[in-house]
Amino acid sequence: MTIRVYFNLHKKCWSVLKREPGKGWRLCTHTNFLAINNVRPVIHKHGQERTRREGKKYVHAYLEGEVETGLFDLTPHHKQLSYMPMVHDTFVWRDDYTEFTQSRQVVLTERRAWALR
């Protein structure tokens, strides 16, 4: 099942959306820990522009992939991701601020996203 995930600033956890036929993306759960496979970033440019213009944080950036149903753990190969809409146009690798385009796995922990590089 394909999902989209974003960090919910009000609840201080990850919000998980799934696609419902004929209805679009709908919230299905909140969680503090999750792993997703075959991940790519999704950023709605209109929302990003609105966030920059108004200086308010609107949900417009997601990590999209497939739910990992097995066991998962962080390894030394996982590197931290970051997204700062006022500074960067896309998700970036936290260590060198180069663009994040995809990963075969992302592990989401409390307030952090770690991707296989």
N, C-alpha and C. Protein backbone atom coordinates (compact mmCIF):
# COMPACT_ATOMS: atom_id res chain seq x y z
N MET A 1 0.84 -1.18 0.00
CA MET A 1 0.00 0.00 0.00
C MET A 1 0.89 1.24 0.00
N THR A 2 0.63 2.17 -0.90
CA THR A 2 1.37 3.42 -0.99
C THR A 2 0.79 4.42 0.02
N ILE A 3 1.70 5.08 0.73
CA ILE A 3 1.30 6.08 1.72
C ILE A 3 2.10 7.36 1.50
N ARG A 4 1.61 8.42 2.09
CA ARG A 4 2.33 9.69 2.18
C ARG A 4 2.44 10.03 3.66
N VAL A 5 3.60 10.57 4.05
CA VAL A 5 3.85 10.87 5.45
C VAL A 5 4.37 12.29 5.57
N TYR A 6 3.90 13.00 6.60
CA TYR A 6 4.46 14.31 6.91
C TYR A 6 4.52 14.47 8.43
N PHE A 7 5.41 15.34 8.89
CA PHE A 7 5.49 15.57 10.33
C PHE A 7 4.43 16.57 10.75
N ASN A 8 3.58 16.17 11.68
CA ASN A 8 2.48 17.00 12.16
C ASN A 8 2.99 17.88 13.30
N LEU A 9 3.10 19.17 13.05
CA LEU A 9 3.65 20.10 14.03
C LEU A 9 2.76 20.28 15.25
N HIS A 10 1.46 20.07 15.12
CA HIS A 10 0.54 20.25 16.24
C HIS A 10 0.57 19.05 17.18
N LYS A 11 0.58 17.85 16.60
CA LYS A 11 0.56 16.62 17.41
C LYS A 11 1.95 16.11 17.74
N LYS A 12 3.00 16.69 17.13
CA LYS A 12 4.39 16.29 17.34
C LYS A 12 4.62 14.81 17.03
N CYS A 13 4.06 14.37 15.89
CA CYS A 13 4.22 12.99 15.44
C CYS A 13 4.07 12.96 13.92
N TRP A 14 4.21 11.78 13.34
CA TRP A 14 4.06 11.62 11.88
C TRP A 14 2.60 11.34 11.54
N SER A 15 2.07 12.02 10.58
CA SER A 15 0.72 11.77 10.07
C SER A 15 0.85 10.95 8.79
N VAL A 16 0.07 9.89 8.71
CA VAL A 16 0.14 8.96 7.59
C VAL A 16 -1.15 9.06 6.77
N LEU A 17 -1.00 9.29 5.47
CA LEU A 17 -2.14 9.39 4.55
C LEU A 17 -2.12 8.21 3.61
N LYS A 18 -3.30 7.69 3.26
CA LYS A 18 -3.38 6.67 2.22
C LYS A 18 -4.39 7.12 1.18
N ARG A 19 -4.20 6.61 -0.03
CA ARG A 19 -5.05 7.02 -1.15
C ARG A 19 -6.32 6.16 -1.16
N GLU A 20 -7.47 6.84 -1.18
CA GLU A 20 -8.75 6.15 -1.28
C GLU A 20 -9.33 6.44 -2.65
N PRO A 21 -9.65 5.40 -3.41
CA PRO A 21 -10.18 5.58 -4.76
C PRO A 21 -11.38 6.54 -4.78
N GLY A 22 -11.31 7.51 -5.66
CA GLY A 22 -12.40 8.47 -5.81
C GLY A 22 -12.42 9.58 -4.77
N LYS A 23 -11.57 9.49 -3.73
CA LYS A 23 -11.57 10.49 -2.67
C LYS A 23 -10.23 11.19 -2.49
N GLY A 24 -9.16 10.62 -3.03
CA GLY A 24 -7.84 11.22 -2.87
C GLY A 24 -7.15 10.74 -1.61
N TRP A 25 -6.21 11.52 -1.12
CA TRP A 25 -5.43 11.16 0.07
C TRP A 25 -6.20 11.47 1.34
N ARG A 26 -6.28 10.48 2.23
CA ARG A 26 -7.01 10.63 3.49
C ARG A 26 -6.13 10.19 4.66
N LEU A 27 -6.25 10.89 5.78
CA LEU A 27 -5.50 10.54 6.98
C LEU A 27 -5.92 9.17 7.47
N CYS A 28 -4.94 8.31 7.77
CA CYS A 28 -5.31 6.99 8.30
C CYS A 28 -4.78 6.76 9.71
N THR A 29 -3.66 7.40 10.10
CA THR A 29 -3.15 7.21 11.45
C THR A 29 -2.08 8.24 11.78
N HIS A 30 -1.71 8.29 13.05
CA HIS A 30 -0.57 9.06 13.53
C HIS A 30 0.37 8.07 14.21
N THR A 31 1.67 8.30 14.09
CA THR A 31 2.64 7.40 14.70
C THR A 31 3.94 8.13 15.01
N ASN A 32 4.72 7.56 15.93
CA ASN A 32 6.04 8.12 16.24
C ASN A 32 7.15 7.39 15.52
N PHE A 33 6.89 6.14 15.13
CA PHE A 33 7.90 5.32 14.45
C PHE A 33 7.28 4.60 13.28
N LEU A 34 8.01 4.61 12.13
CA LEU A 34 7.50 3.96 10.93
C LEU A 34 8.65 3.81 9.95
N ALA A 35 8.59 2.78 9.12
CA ALA A 35 9.56 2.63 8.04
C ALA A 35 8.77 2.52 6.74
N ILE A 36 9.28 3.16 5.69
CA ILE A 36 8.66 3.07 4.37
C ILE A 36 9.73 2.76 3.33
N ASN A 37 9.35 1.99 2.34
CA ASN A 37 10.27 1.55 1.28
C ASN A 37 9.98 2.27 -0.02
N ASN A 38 10.98 2.26 -0.91
CA ASN A 38 10.85 2.88 -2.24
C ASN A 38 10.31 4.31 -2.12
N VAL A 39 11.03 5.12 -1.41
CA VAL A 39 10.58 6.45 -1.02
C VAL A 39 11.03 7.51 -2.02
N ARG A 40 10.11 8.44 -2.27
CA ARG A 40 10.42 9.62 -3.07
C ARG A 40 9.75 10.81 -2.41
N PRO A 41 10.34 11.99 -2.54
CA PRO A 41 9.72 13.19 -1.97
C PRO A 41 8.63 13.74 -2.88
N VAL A 42 7.60 14.30 -2.28
CA VAL A 42 6.53 14.97 -3.02
C VAL A 42 6.37 16.35 -2.40
N ILE A 43 6.57 17.38 -3.23
CA ILE A 43 6.42 18.75 -2.73
C ILE A 43 5.49 19.50 -3.67
N HIS A 44 4.42 20.03 -3.10
CA HIS A 44 3.48 20.83 -3.89
C HIS A 44 4.00 22.27 -3.91
N LYS A 45 4.41 22.71 -5.08
CA LYS A 45 5.04 24.02 -5.23
C LYS A 45 4.13 25.17 -4.81
N HIS A 46 2.83 25.04 -5.10
CA HIS A 46 1.89 26.10 -4.71
C HIS A 46 1.88 26.26 -3.19
N GLY A 47 1.85 25.15 -2.47
CA GLY A 47 1.89 25.21 -1.01
C GLY A 47 3.20 25.75 -0.48
N GLN A 48 4.28 25.40 -1.15
CA GLN A 48 5.59 25.90 -0.76
C GLN A 48 5.66 27.42 -0.94
N GLU A 49 5.15 27.89 -2.07
CA GLU A 49 5.13 29.33 -2.32
C GLU A 49 4.28 30.07 -1.30
N ARG A 50 3.14 29.48 -0.94
CA ARG A 50 2.25 30.10 0.05
C ARG A 50 2.94 30.16 1.41
N THR A 51 3.62 29.07 1.78
CA THR A 51 4.36 29.04 3.05
C THR A 51 5.41 30.14 3.08
N ARG A 52 6.14 30.30 2.00
CA ARG A 52 7.18 31.33 1.93
C ARG A 52 6.58 32.74 1.94
N ARG A 53 5.51 32.90 1.20
CA ARG A 53 4.88 34.23 1.07
C ARG A 53 4.27 34.68 2.40
N GLU A 54 3.54 33.77 3.08
CA GLU A 54 2.83 34.15 4.30
C GLU A 54 3.64 33.93 5.57
N GLY A 55 4.73 33.17 5.47
CA GLY A 55 5.53 32.90 6.66
C GLY A 55 4.88 31.95 7.64
N LYS A 56 3.85 31.24 7.19
CA LYS A 56 3.16 30.24 8.01
C LYS A 56 3.48 28.87 7.45
N LYS A 57 3.36 27.86 8.28
CA LYS A 57 3.69 26.50 7.84
C LYS A 57 2.42 25.77 7.42
N TYR A 58 2.32 25.49 6.13
CA TYR A 58 1.21 24.72 5.57
C TYR A 58 1.74 23.36 5.12
N VAL A 59 0.92 22.33 5.22
CA VAL A 59 1.34 20.99 4.79
C VAL A 59 1.40 20.98 3.27
N HIS A 60 2.61 20.75 2.74
CA HIS A 60 2.78 20.71 1.30
C HIS A 60 3.91 19.77 0.88
N ALA A 61 4.60 19.17 1.85
CA ALA A 61 5.74 18.30 1.55
C ALA A 61 5.56 16.95 2.24
N TYR A 62 5.77 15.89 1.48
CA TYR A 62 5.54 14.53 1.97
C TYR A 62 6.68 13.61 1.55
N LEU A 63 6.79 12.49 2.25
CA LEU A 63 7.60 11.37 1.79
C LEU A 63 6.60 10.30 1.38
N GLU A 64 6.71 9.81 0.16
CA GLU A 64 5.76 8.84 -0.37
C GLU A 64 6.47 7.52 -0.61
N GLY A 65 5.83 6.42 -0.20
CA GLY A 65 6.41 5.10 -0.40
C GLY A 65 5.46 4.01 0.06
N GLU A 66 6.02 2.82 0.21
CA GLU A 66 5.24 1.66 0.61
C GLU A 66 5.54 1.32 2.07
N VAL A 67 4.52 0.95 2.82
CA VAL A 67 4.68 0.63 4.24
C VAL A 67 5.58 -0.59 4.40
N GLU A 68 6.54 -0.49 5.31
CA GLU A 68 7.38 -1.63 5.67
C GLU A 68 6.64 -2.40 6.76
N THR A 69 6.29 -3.63 6.46
CA THR A 69 5.50 -4.42 7.41
C THR A 69 6.36 -5.32 8.29
N GLY A 70 7.61 -5.51 7.91
CA GLY A 70 8.51 -6.36 8.71
C GLY A 70 9.25 -5.55 9.76
N LEU A 71 10.23 -6.19 10.36
CA LEU A 71 11.05 -5.51 11.35
C LEU A 71 12.00 -4.54 10.66
N PHE A 72 12.29 -3.44 11.32
CA PHE A 72 13.22 -2.46 10.76
C PHE A 72 14.01 -1.85 11.90
N ASP A 73 15.16 -1.33 11.54
CA ASP A 73 16.02 -0.70 12.53
C ASP A 73 16.93 0.30 11.82
N LEU A 74 17.38 1.28 12.55
CA LEU A 74 18.35 2.23 12.00
C LEU A 74 19.71 1.55 11.92
N THR A 75 20.43 1.82 10.83
CA THR A 75 21.77 1.29 10.66
C THR A 75 22.72 2.47 10.44
N PRO A 76 24.02 2.21 10.46
CA PRO A 76 24.96 3.30 10.15
C PRO A 76 24.82 3.81 8.71
N HIS A 77 24.14 3.06 7.86
CA HIS A 77 23.94 3.49 6.47
C HIS A 77 22.79 4.48 6.32
N HIS A 78 21.95 4.62 7.34
CA HIS A 78 20.86 5.59 7.31
C HIS A 78 21.42 6.98 7.63
N LYS A 79 21.10 7.94 6.78
CA LYS A 79 21.54 9.33 6.99
C LYS A 79 20.31 10.21 7.14
N GLN A 80 20.45 11.26 7.93
CA GLN A 80 19.30 12.11 8.26
C GLN A 80 18.89 13.00 7.09
N LEU A 81 17.56 13.14 6.93
CA LEU A 81 16.97 14.04 5.94
C LEU A 81 16.47 15.30 6.62
N SER A 82 16.33 16.35 5.83
CA SER A 82 15.80 17.60 6.35
C SER A 82 14.97 18.29 5.27
N TYR A 83 13.98 19.04 5.70
CA TYR A 83 13.23 19.89 4.77
C TYR A 83 12.93 21.20 5.47
N MET A 84 13.46 22.28 4.92
CA MET A 84 13.22 23.62 5.45
C MET A 84 12.68 24.46 4.31
N PRO A 85 11.36 24.68 4.25
CA PRO A 85 10.75 25.33 3.10
C PRO A 85 11.22 26.76 2.84
N MET A 86 11.70 27.44 3.86
CA MET A 86 12.17 28.81 3.66
C MET A 86 13.58 28.85 3.06
N VAL A 87 14.30 27.73 3.15
CA VAL A 87 15.69 27.69 2.71
C VAL A 87 15.89 26.82 1.47
N HIS A 88 15.30 25.63 1.49
CA HIS A 88 15.51 24.67 0.41
C HIS A 88 14.23 24.44 -0.39
N ASP A 89 14.39 24.09 -1.65
CA ASP A 89 13.24 23.80 -2.51
C ASP A 89 12.77 22.36 -2.39
N THR A 90 13.58 21.50 -1.80
CA THR A 90 13.26 20.08 -1.71
C THR A 90 13.84 19.50 -0.43
N PHE A 91 13.58 18.22 -0.18
CA PHE A 91 14.23 17.53 0.92
C PHE A 91 15.72 17.45 0.61
N VAL A 92 16.55 17.54 1.66
CA VAL A 92 18.00 17.47 1.47
C VAL A 92 18.60 16.49 2.48
N TRP A 93 19.78 15.99 2.13
CA TRP A 93 20.56 15.18 3.07
C TRP A 93 21.15 16.14 4.10
N ARG A 94 20.98 15.84 5.36
CA ARG A 94 21.39 16.76 6.42
C ARG A 94 22.91 16.93 6.50
N ASP A 95 23.68 15.93 6.08
CA ASP A 95 25.13 16.01 6.23
C ASP A 95 25.80 16.96 5.23
N ASP A 96 25.26 17.04 3.99
CA ASP A 96 25.91 17.91 3.00
C ASP A 96 24.92 18.81 2.24
N TYR A 97 23.64 18.75 2.59
CA TYR A 97 22.58 19.58 2.02
C TYR A 97 22.42 19.42 0.50
N THR A 98 22.76 18.23 -0.02
CA THR A 98 22.46 17.93 -1.41
C THR A 98 21.03 17.40 -1.50
N GLU A 99 20.46 17.49 -2.68
CA GLU A 99 19.05 17.13 -2.88
C GLU A 99 18.80 15.64 -2.66
N PHE A 100 17.74 15.33 -1.91
CA PHE A 100 17.27 13.97 -1.73
C PHE A 100 16.25 13.68 -2.83
N THR A 101 16.49 12.64 -3.63
CA THR A 101 15.58 12.33 -4.72
C THR A 101 14.83 11.02 -4.51
N GLN A 102 15.46 10.05 -3.84
CA GLN A 102 14.80 8.77 -3.58
C GLN A 102 15.66 7.93 -2.66
N SER A 103 15.04 6.91 -2.07
CA SER A 103 15.76 5.96 -1.24
C SER A 103 14.97 4.67 -1.20
N ARG A 104 15.66 3.57 -1.01
CA ARG A 104 14.91 2.31 -0.93
C ARG A 104 14.27 2.12 0.44
N GLN A 105 14.74 2.89 1.46
CA GLN A 105 14.07 2.83 2.76
C GLN A 105 14.29 4.12 3.54
N VAL A 106 13.24 4.55 4.22
CA VAL A 106 13.32 5.66 5.16
C VAL A 106 12.73 5.20 6.48
N VAL A 107 13.45 5.45 7.56
CA VAL A 107 12.95 5.14 8.90
C VAL A 107 12.60 6.47 9.56
N LEU A 108 11.38 6.56 10.05
CA LEU A 108 10.89 7.77 10.72
C LEU A 108 10.89 7.51 12.21
N THR A 109 11.60 8.36 12.95
CA THR A 109 11.63 8.26 14.40
C THR A 109 11.01 9.53 14.95
N GLU A 110 11.05 9.70 16.24
CA GLU A 110 10.48 10.92 16.82
C GLU A 110 11.16 12.15 16.23
N ARG A 111 10.44 12.88 15.38
CA ARG A 111 10.88 14.14 14.78
C ARG A 111 12.01 14.04 13.76
N ARG A 112 12.44 12.84 13.39
CA ARG A 112 13.55 12.70 12.45
C ARG A 112 13.24 11.70 11.36
N ALA A 113 13.82 11.94 10.17
CA ALA A 113 13.70 11.01 9.04
C ALA A 113 15.10 10.57 8.66
N TRP A 114 15.31 9.26 8.57
CA TRP A 114 16.61 8.67 8.26
C TRP A 114 16.47 7.81 7.01
N ALA A 115 17.25 8.11 5.98
CA ALA A 115 17.15 7.38 4.72
C ALA A 115 18.43 6.64 4.41
N LEU A 116 18.28 5.51 3.71
CA LEU A 116 19.46 4.80 3.21
C LEU A 116 20.04 5.60 2.07
N ARG A 117 21.32 5.84 2.14
CA ARG A 117 21.96 6.65 1.10
C ARG A 117 22.70 5.77 0.12
